């Protein structure tokens, strides 16, 4: 099932090379939309702030 925001994520990465922050209430499909959108964008990487390893990578900056 295609979610509402997958198109917006794909369009964002087609036009921009910058981060995309997705926020919203629990259990509405944010993770699924982000992962599906990233699949269509080649170089996109899905990182989760709640994951300790991902958080360290985010804080380390773009060269990490």
Foldseek 3Di string as FASTA:
>chain_A
DQDDCLVVLLVCLVVDDDDDDDDDDPPPCPVVSVVSSQVNRVPDDDADCVDPVSVVVVVVDDVD
